[in-house]
Amino acid sequence: MTDFTGGPGFLAFVFTFALAVAGVLLFRSLAKHLRKVRGASSTSSDLREPGAAQAGGDGTMRQVEPGADGAGDEAGPGDQPAS
Protein backbone atom coordinates (compact mmCIF):
# COMPACT_ATOMS: atom_id res chain seq x y z
CA MET A 1 0.00 0.00 0.00
CA THR A 2 1.12 3.55 -0.62
CA ASP A 3 1.00 6.25 1.99
CA PHE A 4 -1.18 9.21 1.05
CA THR A 5 0.52 12.42 2.15
CA GLY A 6 -1.66 14.93 0.30
CA GLY A 7 -4.47 17.02 1.78
CA PRO A 8 -7.61 18.52 0.39
CA GLY A 9 -5.54 20.76 -1.84
CA PHE A 10 -5.64 24.20 -3.25
CA LEU A 11 -9.13 23.86 -4.74
CA ALA A 12 -10.64 23.16 -1.32
CA PHE A 13 -8.89 26.24 0.09
CA VAL A 14 -10.24 28.44 -2.71
CA PHE A 15 -13.76 27.10 -2.21
CA THR A 16 -13.65 27.65 1.57
CA PHE A 17 -12.23 31.15 1.16
CA ALA A 18 -14.92 32.06 -1.40
CA LEU A 19 -17.62 30.72 0.93
CA ALA A 20 -16.28 32.86 3.81
CA VAL A 21 -16.17 35.99 1.62
CA ALA A 22 -19.74 35.36 0.44
CA GLY A 23 -20.89 35.01 4.07
CA VAL A 24 -19.27 38.31 5.07
CA LEU A 25 -20.82 40.12 2.11
CA LEU A 26 -24.23 38.63 2.87
CA PHE A 27 -24.00 39.69 6.52
CA ARG A 28 -23.03 43.25 5.57
CA SER A 29 -25.93 43.47 3.13
CA LEU A 30 -28.35 42.21 5.77
CA ALA A 31 -27.09 44.76 8.31
CA LYS A 32 -27.48 47.55 5.75
CA HIS A 33 -31.07 46.57 4.99
CA LEU A 34 -31.94 46.29 8.69
CA ARG A 35 -30.60 49.80 9.32
CA LYS A 36 -32.70 51.07 6.43
CA VAL A 37 -35.86 49.40 7.77
CA ARG A 38 -35.28 50.64 11.32
CA GLY A 39 -34.75 54.17 10.04
CA ALA A 40 -37.92 54.04 7.95
CA SER A 41 -40.00 52.73 10.84
CA SER A 42 -38.93 55.53 13.18
CA THR A 43 -39.79 58.25 10.65
CA SER A 44 -43.08 56.67 9.58
CA SER A 45 -44.43 56.79 13.15
CA ASP A 46 -44.51 60.60 12.84
CA LEU A 47 -46.54 60.35 9.63
CA ARG A 48 -49.04 57.73 10.85
CA GLU A 49 -52.71 58.56 10.32
CA PRO A 50 -55.19 58.40 13.20
CA GLY A 51 -57.18 55.18 13.16
CA ALA A 52 -54.37 53.20 11.53
CA ALA A 53 -53.23 49.96 13.10
CA GLN A 54 -49.74 49.90 14.52
CA ALA A 55 -47.60 47.30 16.19
CA GLY A 56 -47.44 47.30 19.96
CA GLY A 57 -44.30 46.60 21.95
CA ASP A 58 -45.28 42.95 22.37
CA GLY A 59 -45.62 42.35 18.62
CA THR A 60 -49.43 42.59 18.55
CA MET A 61 -51.41 45.06 16.50
CA ARG A 62 -53.54 47.68 18.18
CA GLN A 63 -55.90 50.33 16.89
CA VAL A 64 -54.78 53.95 17.27
CA GLU A 65 -57.56 56.10 18.63
CA PRO A 66 -58.23 59.29 16.64
CA GLY A 67 -56.92 62.23 18.63
CA ALA A 68 -54.73 60.04 20.85
CA ASP A 69 -51.62 61.70 19.48
CA GLY A 70 -53.12 65.21 19.52
CA ALA A 71 -53.54 65.36 15.74
CA GLY A 72 -56.94 65.95 14.20
CA ASP A 73 -58.54 67.59 17.27
CA GLU A 74 -59.45 70.74 15.41
CA ALA A 75 -63.01 71.15 14.14
CA GLY A 76 -63.37 70.86 10.40
CA PRO A 77 -65.75 72.78 8.10
CA GLY A 78 -68.44 70.07 8.31
CA ASP A 79 -68.23 69.59 12.08
CA GLN A 80 -71.03 70.94 14.21
CA PRO A 81 -70.94 71.33 17.98
CA ALA A 82 -73.04 68.84 19.93
CA SER A 83 -76.24 70.35 21.28
PDB file of N, CA and C in Angstrom:
ATOM      1  N   MET A   1       0.819  -1.178   0.000  1.00  0.00           N
ATOM      2  CA  MET A   1       0.000   0.000   0.000  1.00  0.00           C
ATOM      3  C   MET A   1       0.869   1.249   0.000  1.00  0.00           C
ATOM      4  N   THR A   2       0.365   2.306  -0.609  1.00  0.00           N
ATOM      5  CA  THR A   2       1.122   3.554  -0.622  1.00  0.00           C
ATOM      6  C   THR A   2       0.562   4.498   0.429  1.00  0.00           C
ATOM      7  N   ASP A   3       1.436   5.260   0.991  1.00  0.00           N
ATOM      8  CA  ASP A   3       1.001   6.247   1.986  1.00  0.00           C
ATOM      9  C   ASP A   3       0.542   7.509   1.264  1.00  0.00           C
ATOM     10  N   PHE A   4      -0.641   7.982   1.631  1.00  0.00           N
ATOM     11  CA  PHE A   4      -1.175   9.211   1.051  1.00  0.00           C
ATOM     12  C   PHE A   4      -0.747  10.381   1.919  1.00  0.00           C
ATOM     13  N   THR A   5       0.024  11.283   1.377  1.00  0.00           N
ATOM     14  CA  THR A   5       0.522  12.424   2.147  1.00  0.00           C
ATOM     15  C   THR A   5      -0.123  13.731   1.730  1.00  0.00           C
ATOM     16  N   GLY A   6      -1.011  13.712   0.765  1.00  0.00           N
ATOM     17  CA  GLY A   6      -1.665  14.927   0.297  1.00  0.00           C
ATOM     18  C   GLY A   6      -2.853  15.299   1.174  1.00  0.00           C
ATOM     19  N   GLY A   7      -3.304  16.520   1.041  1.00  0.00           N
ATOM     20  CA  GLY A   7      -4.466  17.018   1.778  1.00  0.00           C
ATOM     21  C   GLY A   7      -5.572  17.376   0.808  1.00  0.00           C
ATOM     22  N   PRO A   8      -6.497  18.133   1.252  1.00  0.00           N
ATOM     23  CA  PRO A   8      -7.609  18.519   0.389  1.00  0.00           C
ATOM     24  C   PRO A   8      -7.161  19.333  -0.821  1.00  0.00           C
ATOM     25  N   GLY A   9      -6.100  20.072  -0.678  1.00  0.00           N
ATOM     26  CA  GLY A   9      -5.535  20.760  -1.836  1.00  0.00           C
ATOM     27  C   GLY A   9      -5.957  22.207  -1.958  1.00  0.00           C
ATOM     28  N   PHE A  10      -5.426  22.788  -2.999  1.00  0.00           N
ATOM     29  CA  PHE A  10      -5.641  24.202  -3.255  1.00  0.00           C
ATOM     30  C   PHE A  10      -7.091  24.506  -3.602  1.00  0.00           C
ATOM     31  N   LEU A  11      -7.740  23.638  -4.339  1.00  0.00           N
ATOM     32  CA  LEU A  11      -9.128  23.859  -4.741  1.00  0.00           C
ATOM     33  C   LEU A  11     -10.050  23.947  -3.527  1.00  0.00           C
ATOM     34  N   ALA A  12      -9.826  23.108  -2.531  1.00  0.00           N
ATOM     35  CA  ALA A  12     -10.640  23.161  -1.316  1.00  0.00           C
ATOM     36  C   ALA A  12     -10.412  24.473  -0.568  1.00  0.00           C
ATOM     37  N   PHE A  13      -9.174  24.956  -0.544  1.00  0.00           N
ATOM     38  CA  PHE A  13      -8.887  26.241   0.092  1.00  0.00           C
ATOM     39  C   PHE A  13      -9.615  27.376  -0.615  1.00  0.00           C
ATOM     40  N   VAL A  14      -9.570  27.389  -1.935  1.00  0.00           N
ATOM     41  CA  VAL A  14     -10.235  28.442  -2.710  1.00  0.00           C
ATOM     42  C   VAL A  14     -11.740  28.407  -2.463  1.00  0.00           C
ATOM     43  N   PHE A  15     -12.326  27.227  -2.452  1.00  0.00           N
ATOM     44  CA  PHE A  15     -13.764  27.096  -2.207  1.00  0.00           C
ATOM     45  C   PHE A  15     -14.132  27.601  -0.816  1.00  0.00           C
ATOM     46  N   THR A  16     -13.364  27.226   0.202  1.00  0.00           N
ATOM     47  CA  THR A  16     -13.646  27.653   1.570  1.00  0.00           C
ATOM     48  C   THR A  16     -13.482  29.160   1.715  1.00  0.00           C
ATOM     49  N   PHE A  17     -12.458  29.712   1.105  1.00  0.00           N
ATOM     50  CA  PHE A  17     -12.232  31.152   1.163  1.00  0.00           C
ATOM     51  C   PHE A  17     -13.372  31.903   0.478  1.00  0.00           C
ATOM     52  N   ALA A  18     -13.809  31.425  -0.676  1.00  0.00           N
ATOM     53  CA  ALA A  18     -14.919  32.058  -1.398  1.00  0.00           C
ATOM     54  C   ALA A  18     -16.210  31.981  -0.585  1.00  0.00           C
ATOM     55  N   LEU A  19     -16.430  30.874   0.088  1.00  0.00           N
ATOM     56  CA  LEU A  19     -17.620  30.724   0.929  1.00  0.00           C
ATOM     57  C   LEU A  19     -17.589  31.713   2.096  1.00  0.00           C
ATOM     58  N   ALA A  20     -16.426  31.905   2.705  1.00  0.00           N
ATOM     59  CA  ALA A  20     -16.285  32.858   3.809  1.00  0.00           C
ATOM     60  C   ALA A  20     -16.518  34.290   3.329  1.00  0.00           C
ATOM     61  N   VAL A  21     -15.970  34.645   2.170  1.00  0.00           N
ATOM     62  CA  VAL A  21     -16.167  35.988   1.619  1.00  0.00           C
ATOM     63  C   VAL A  21     -17.644  36.221   1.307  1.00  0.00           C
ATOM     64  N   ALA A  22     -18.311  35.228   0.731  1.00  0.00           N
ATOM     65  CA  ALA A  22     -19.741  35.356   0.436  1.00  0.00           C
ATOM     66  C   ALA A  22     -20.545  35.545   1.722  1.00  0.00           C
ATOM     67  N   GLY A  23     -20.194  34.853   2.786  1.00  0.00           N
ATOM     68  CA  GLY A  23     -20.886  35.007   4.070  1.00  0.00           C
ATOM     69  C   GLY A  23     -20.719  36.399   4.643  1.00  0.00           C
ATOM     70  N   VAL A  24     -19.515  36.954   4.570  1.00  0.00           N
ATOM     71  CA  VAL A  24     -19.268  38.306   5.072  1.00  0.00           C
ATOM     72  C   VAL A  24     -20.064  39.327   4.265  1.00  0.00           C
ATOM     73  N   LEU A  25     -20.064  39.193   2.951  1.00  0.00           N
ATOM     74  CA  LEU A  25     -20.822  40.122   2.110  1.00  0.00           C
ATOM     75  C   LEU A  25     -22.323  40.022   2.373  1.00  0.00           C
ATOM     76  N   LEU A  26     -22.823  38.821   2.576  1.00  0.00           N
ATOM     77  CA  LEU A  26     -24.234  38.633   2.874  1.00  0.00           C
ATOM     78  C   LEU A  26     -24.602  39.267   4.217  1.00  0.00           C
ATOM     79  N   PHE A  27     -23.752  39.104   5.214  1.00  0.00           N
ATOM     80  CA  PHE A  27     -24.005  39.693   6.520  1.00  0.00           C
ATOM     81  C   PHE A  27     -24.014  41.218   6.450  1.00  0.00           C
ATOM     82  N   ARG A  28     -23.063  41.796   5.707  1.00  0.00           N
ATOM     83  CA  ARG A  28     -23.029  43.252   5.573  1.00  0.00           C
ATOM     84  C   ARG A  28     -24.263  43.779   4.856  1.00  0.00           C
ATOM     85  N   SER A  29     -24.725  43.067   3.845  1.00  0.00           N
ATOM     86  CA  SER A  29     -25.927  43.474   3.132  1.00  0.00           C
ATOM     87  C   SER A  29     -27.148  43.410   4.044  1.00  0.00           C
ATOM     88  N   LEU A  30     -27.235  42.352   4.830  1.00  0.00           N
ATOM     89  CA  LEU A  30     -28.349  42.210   5.769  1.00  0.00           C
ATOM     90  C   LEU A  30     -28.343  43.342   6.787  1.00  0.00           C
ATOM     91  N   ALA A  31     -27.190  43.680   7.329  1.00  0.00           N
ATOM     92  CA  ALA A  31     -27.089  44.763   8.305  1.00  0.00           C
ATOM     93  C   ALA A  31     -27.499  46.096   7.690  1.00  0.00           C
ATOM     94  N   LYS A  32     -27.114  46.317   6.450  1.00  0.00           N
ATOM     95  CA  LYS A  32     -27.481  47.555   5.752  1.00  0.00           C
ATOM     96  C   LYS A  32     -28.994  47.653   5.577  1.00  0.00           C
ATOM     97  N   HIS A  33     -29.619  46.569   5.182  1.00  0.00           N
ATOM     98  CA  HIS A  33     -31.070  46.574   4.990  1.00  0.00           C
ATOM     99  C   HIS A  33     -31.808  46.726   6.314  1.00  0.00           C
ATOM    100  N   LEU A  34     -31.303  46.127   7.376  1.00  0.00           N
ATOM    101  CA  LEU A  34     -31.942  46.286   8.687  1.00  0.00           C
ATOM    102  C   LEU A  34     -31.846  47.725   9.173  1.00  0.00           C
ATOM    103  N   ARG A  35     -30.721  48.383   8.946  1.00  0.00           N
ATOM    104  CA  ARG A  35     -30.599  49.796   9.316  1.00  0.00           C
ATOM    105  C   ARG A  35     -31.595  50.636   8.541  1.00  0.00           C
ATOM    106  N   LYS A  36     -31.774  50.322   7.261  1.00  0.00           N
ATOM    107  CA  LYS A  36     -32.705  51.075   6.426  1.00  0.00           C
ATOM    108  C   LYS A  36     -34.143  50.894   6.920  1.00  0.00           C
ATOM    109  N   VAL A  37     -34.507  49.669   7.287  1.00  0.00           N
ATOM    110  CA  VAL A  37     -35.863  49.396   7.767  1.00  0.00           C
ATOM    111  C   VAL A  37     -36.102  50.067   9.120  1.00  0.00           C
ATOM    112  N   ARG A  38     -35.130  49.988  10.021  1.00  0.00           N
ATOM    113  CA  ARG A  38     -35.276  50.641  11.324  1.00  0.00           C
ATOM    114  C   ARG A  38     -35.409  52.144  11.162  1.00  0.00           C
ATOM    115  N   GLY A  39     -34.662  52.731  10.273  1.00  0.00           N
ATOM    116  CA  GLY A  39     -34.754  54.171  10.037  1.00  0.00           C
ATOM    117  C   GLY A  39     -36.099  54.557   9.456  1.00  0.00           C
ATOM    118  N   ALA A  40     -36.618  53.755   8.555  1.00  0.00           N
ATOM    119  CA  ALA A  40     -37.918  54.044   7.951  1.00  0.00           C
ATOM    120  C   ALA A  40     -39.039  53.885   8.960  1.00  0.00           C
ATOM    121  N   SER A  41     -38.929  52.934   9.869  1.00  0.00           N
ATOM    122  CA  SER A  41     -40.005  52.730  10.837  1.00  0.00           C
ATOM    123  C   SER A  41     -40.048  53.854  11.862  1.00  0.00           C
ATOM    124  N   SER A  42     -38.913  54.443  12.209  1.00  0.00           N
ATOM    125  CA  SER A  42     -38.925  55.533  13.181  1.00  0.00           C
ATOM    126  C   SER A  42     -39.479  56.807  12.567  1.00  0.00           C
ATOM    127  N   THR A  43     -39.255  57.053  11.280  1.00  0.00           N
ATOM    128  CA  THR A  43     -39.795  58.253  10.654  1.00  0.00           C
ATOM    129  C   THR A  43     -41.254  58.070  10.271  1.00  0.00           C
ATOM    130  N   SER A  44     -41.695  56.870   9.991  1.00  0.00           N
ATOM    131  CA  SER A  44     -43.082  56.667   9.584  1.00  0.00           C
ATOM    132  C   SER A  44     -44.033  56.790  10.767  1.00  0.00           C
ATOM    133  N   SER A  45     -43.554  56.645  12.004  1.00  0.00           N
ATOM    134  CA  SER A  45     -44.431  56.793  13.154  1.00  0.00           C
ATOM    135  C   SER A  45     -44.891  58.238  13.292  1.00  0.00           C
ATOM    136  N   ASP A  46     -44.112  59.202  12.804  1.00  0.00           N
ATOM    137  CA  ASP A  46     -44.513  60.601  12.836  1.00  0.00           C
ATOM    138  C   ASP A  46     -45.577  60.895  11.790  1.00  0.00           C
ATOM    139  N   LEU A  47     -45.615  60.110  10.738  1.00  0.00           N
ATOM    140  CA  LEU A  47     -46.541  60.347   9.633  1.00  0.00           C
ATOM    141  C   LEU A  47     -47.792  59.479   9.708  1.00  0.00           C
ATOM    142  N   ARG A  48     -47.934  58.682  10.741  1.00  0.00           N
ATOM    143  CA  ARG A  48     -49.037  57.727  10.850  1.00  0.00           C
ATOM    144  C   ARG A  48     -50.381  58.462  10.963  1.00  0.00           C
ATOM    145  N   GLU A  49     -51.383  57.960  10.280  1.00  0.00           N
ATOM    146  CA  GLU A  49     -52.713  58.560  10.322  1.00  0.00           C
ATOM    147  C   GLU A  49     -53.481  58.048  11.531  1.00  0.00           C
ATOM    148  N   PRO A  50     -54.347  58.883  12.109  1.00  0.00           N
ATOM    149  CA  PRO A  50     -55.188  58.400  13.205  1.00  0.00           C
ATOM    150  C   PRO A  50     -56.112  57.288  12.717  1.00  0.00           C
ATOM    151  N   GLY A  51     -56.318  56.292  13.528  1.00  0.00           N
ATOM    152  CA  GLY A  51     -57.176  55.175  13.161  1.00  0.00           C
ATOM    153  C   GLY A  51     -56.438  54.054  12.472  1.00  0.00           C
ATOM    154  N   ALA A  52     -55.153  54.249  12.182  1.00  0.00           N
ATOM    155  CA  ALA A  52     -54.370  53.202  11.528  1.00  0.00           C
ATOM    156  C   ALA A  52     -53.872  52.222  12.577  1.00  0.00           C
ATOM    157  N   ALA A  53     -53.752  50.974  12.172  1.00  0.00           N
ATOM    158  CA  ALA A  53     -53.234  49.960  13.096  1.00  0.00           C
ATOM    159  C   ALA A  53     -51.729  50.088  13.179  1.00  0.00           C
ATOM    160  N   GLN A  54     -51.196  49.886  14.364  1.00  0.00           N
ATOM    161  CA  GLN A  54     -49.740  49.899  14.523  1.00  0.00           C
ATOM    162  C   GLN A  54     -49.338  48.804  15.479  1.00  0.00           C
ATOM    163  N   ALA A  55     -48.094  48.391  15.367  1.00  0.00           N
ATOM    164  CA  ALA A  55     -47.598  47.296  16.194  1.00  0.00           C
ATOM    165  C   ALA A  55     -47.330  47.795  17.598  1.00  0.00           C
ATOM    166  N   GLY A  56     -47.740  46.991  18.573  1.00  0.00           N
ATOM    167  CA  GLY A  56     -47.439  47.297  19.959  1.00  0.00           C
ATOM    168  C   GLY A  56     -46.066  46.771  20.305  1.00  0.00           C
ATOM    169  N   GLY A  57     -45.615  47.037  21.524  1.00  0.00           N
ATOM    170  CA  GLY A  57     -44.299  46.602  21.949  1.00  0.00           C
ATOM    171  C   GLY A  57     -44.184  45.102  22.071  1.00  0.00           C
ATOM    172  N   ASP A  58     -45.316  44.403  22.216  1.00  0.00           N
ATOM    173  CA  ASP A  58     -45.282  42.950  22.369  1.00  0.00           C
ATOM    174  C   ASP A  58     -45.493  42.222  21.050  1.00  0.00           C
ATOM    175  N   GLY A  59     -45.485  42.970  19.925  1.00  0.00           N
ATOM    176  CA  GLY A  59     -45.623  42.346  18.616  1.00  0.00           C
ATOM    177  C   GLY A  59     -47.057  42.222  18.147  1.00  0.00           C
ATOM    178  N   THR A  60     -48.030  42.654  18.951  1.00  0.00           N
ATOM    179  CA  THR A  60     -49.426  42.590  18.548  1.00  0.00           C
ATOM    180  C   THR A  60     -49.829  43.905  17.896  1.00  0.00           C
ATOM    181  N   MET A  61     -50.904  43.861  17.141  1.00  0.00           N
ATOM    182  CA  MET A  61     -51.406  45.064  16.497  1.00  0.00           C
ATOM    183  C   MET A  61     -52.478  45.686  17.373  1.00  0.00           C
ATOM    184  N   ARG A  62     -52.490  47.010  17.433  1.00  0.00           N
ATOM    185  CA  ARG A  62     -53.537  47.684  18.182  1.00  0.00           C
ATOM    186  C   ARG A  62     -54.053  48.836  17.351  1.00  0.00           C
ATOM    187  N   GLN A  63     -55.269  49.241  17.619  1.00  0.00           N
ATOM    188  CA  GLN A  63     -55.898  50.330  16.894  1.00  0.00           C
ATOM    189  C   GLN A  63     -55.523  51.647  17.549  1.00  0.00           C
ATOM    190  N   VAL A  64     -55.115  52.631  16.749  1.00  0.00           N
ATOM    191  CA  VAL A  64     -54.780  53.948  17.267  1.00  0.00           C
ATOM    192  C   VAL A  64     -56.064  54.760  17.318  1.00  0.00           C
ATOM    193  N   GLU A  65     -56.354  55.292  18.480  1.00  0.00           N
ATOM    194  CA  GLU A  65     -57.560  56.101  18.631  1.00  0.00           C
ATOM    195  C   GLU A  65     -57.353  57.465  17.972  1.00  0.00           C
ATOM    196  N   PRO A  66     -58.349  57.943  17.213  1.00  0.00           N
ATOM    197  CA  PRO A  66     -58.228  59.286  16.641  1.00  0.00           C
ATOM    198  C   PRO A  66     -58.083  60.310  17.764  1.00  0.00           C
ATOM    199  N   GLY A  67     -57.140  61.199  17.626  1.00  0.00           N
ATOM    200  CA  GLY A  67     -56.923  62.228  18.635  1.00  0.00           C
ATOM    201  C   GLY A  67     -56.003  61.784  19.756  1.00  0.00           C
ATOM    202  N   ALA A  68     -55.581  60.520  19.776  1.00  0.00           N
ATOM    203  CA  ALA A  68     -54.731  60.039  20.854  1.00  0.00           C
ATOM    204  C   ALA A  68     -53.353  60.681  20.802  1.00  0.00           C
ATOM    205  N   ASP A  69     -52.925  61.071  19.607  1.00  0.00           N
ATOM    206  CA  ASP A  69     -51.619  61.702  19.480  1.00  0.00           C
ATOM    207  C   ASP A  69     -51.721  63.218  19.393  1.00  0.00           C
ATOM    208  N   GLY A  70     -52.938  63.763  19.556  1.00  0.00           N
ATOM    209  CA  GLY A  70     -53.121  65.208  19.517  1.00  0.00           C
ATOM    210  C   GLY A  70     -53.408  65.738  18.131  1.00  0.00           C
ATOM    211  N   ALA A  71     -53.284  64.917  17.111  1.00  0.00           N
ATOM    212  CA  ALA A  71     -53.540  65.361  15.739  1.00  0.00           C
ATOM    213  C   ALA A  71     -55.017  65.173  15.415  1.00  0.00           C
ATOM    214  N   GLY A  72     -55.567  66.092  14.652  1.00  0.00           N
ATOM    215  CA  GLY A  72     -56.945  65.950  14.203  1.00  0.00           C
ATOM    216  C   GLY A  72     -57.973  66.363  15.234  1.00  0.00           C
ATOM    217  N   ASP A  73     -57.581  67.153  16.262  1.00  0.00           N
ATOM    218  CA  ASP A  73     -58.536  67.587  17.275  1.00  0.00           C
ATOM    219  C   ASP A  73     -59.280  68.849  16.877  1.00  0.00           C
ATOM    220  N   GLU A  74     -58.810  69.509  15.832  1.00  0.00           N
ATOM    221  CA  GLU A  74     -59.447  70.738  15.408  1.00  0.00           C
ATOM    222  C   GLU A  74     -60.752  70.426  14.684  1.00  0.00           C
ATOM    223  N   ALA A  75     -61.725  71.326  14.819  1.00  0.00           N
ATOM    224  CA  ALA A  75     -63.010  71.150  14.139  1.00  0.00           C
ATOM    225  C   ALA A  75     -62.842  71.466  12.666  1.00  0.00           C
ATOM    226  N   GLY A  76     -63.436  70.646  11.838  1.00  0.00           N
ATOM    227  CA  GLY A  76     -63.369  70.859  10.396  1.00  0.00           C
ATOM    228  C   GLY A  76     -64.574  71.656   9.919  1.00  0.00           C
ATOM    229  N   PRO A  77     -64.639  71.961   8.622  1.00  0.00           N
ATOM    230  CA  PRO A  77     -65.749  72.781   8.099  1.00  0.00           C
ATOM    231  C   PRO A  77     -67.098  72.092   8.225  1.00  0.00           C
ATOM    232  N   GLY A  78     -67.153  70.758   8.220  1.00  0.00           N
ATOM    233  CA  GLY A  78     -68.436  70.067   8.312  1.00  0.00           C
ATOM    234  C   GLY A  78     -68.810  69.678   9.727  1.00  0.00           C
ATOM    235  N   ASP A  79     -67.949  69.960  10.696  1.00  0.00           N
ATOM    236  CA  ASP A  79     -68.231  69.593  12.075  1.00  0.00           C
ATOM    237  C   ASP A  79     -69.154  70.596  12.728  1.00  0.00           C
ATOM    238  N   GLN A  80     -70.115  70.084  13.476  1.00  0.00           N
ATOM    239  CA  GLN A  80     -71.027  70.940  14.212  1.00  0.00           C
ATOM    240  C   GLN A  80     -70.909  70.623  15.687  1.00  0.00           C
ATOM    241  N   PRO A  81     -71.005  71.619  16.542  1.00  0.00           N
ATOM    242  CA  PRO A  81     -70.942  71.334  17.980  1.00  0.00           C
ATOM    243  C   PRO A  81     -72.143  70.527  18.421  1.00  0.00           C
ATOM    244  N   ALA A  82     -71.931  69.660  19.400  1.00  0.00           N
ATOM    245  CA  ALA A  82     -73.036  68.843  19.932  1.00  0.00           C
ATOM    246  C   ALA A  82     -73.966  69.725  20.724  1.00  0.00           C
ATOM    247  N   SER A  83     -75.284  69.528  20.534  1.00  0.00           N
ATOM    248  CA  SER A  83     -76.243  70.347  21.279  1.00  0.00           C
ATOM    249  C   SER A  83     -77.046  69.548  22.242  1.00  0.00           C
TER     250      SER A  83
END
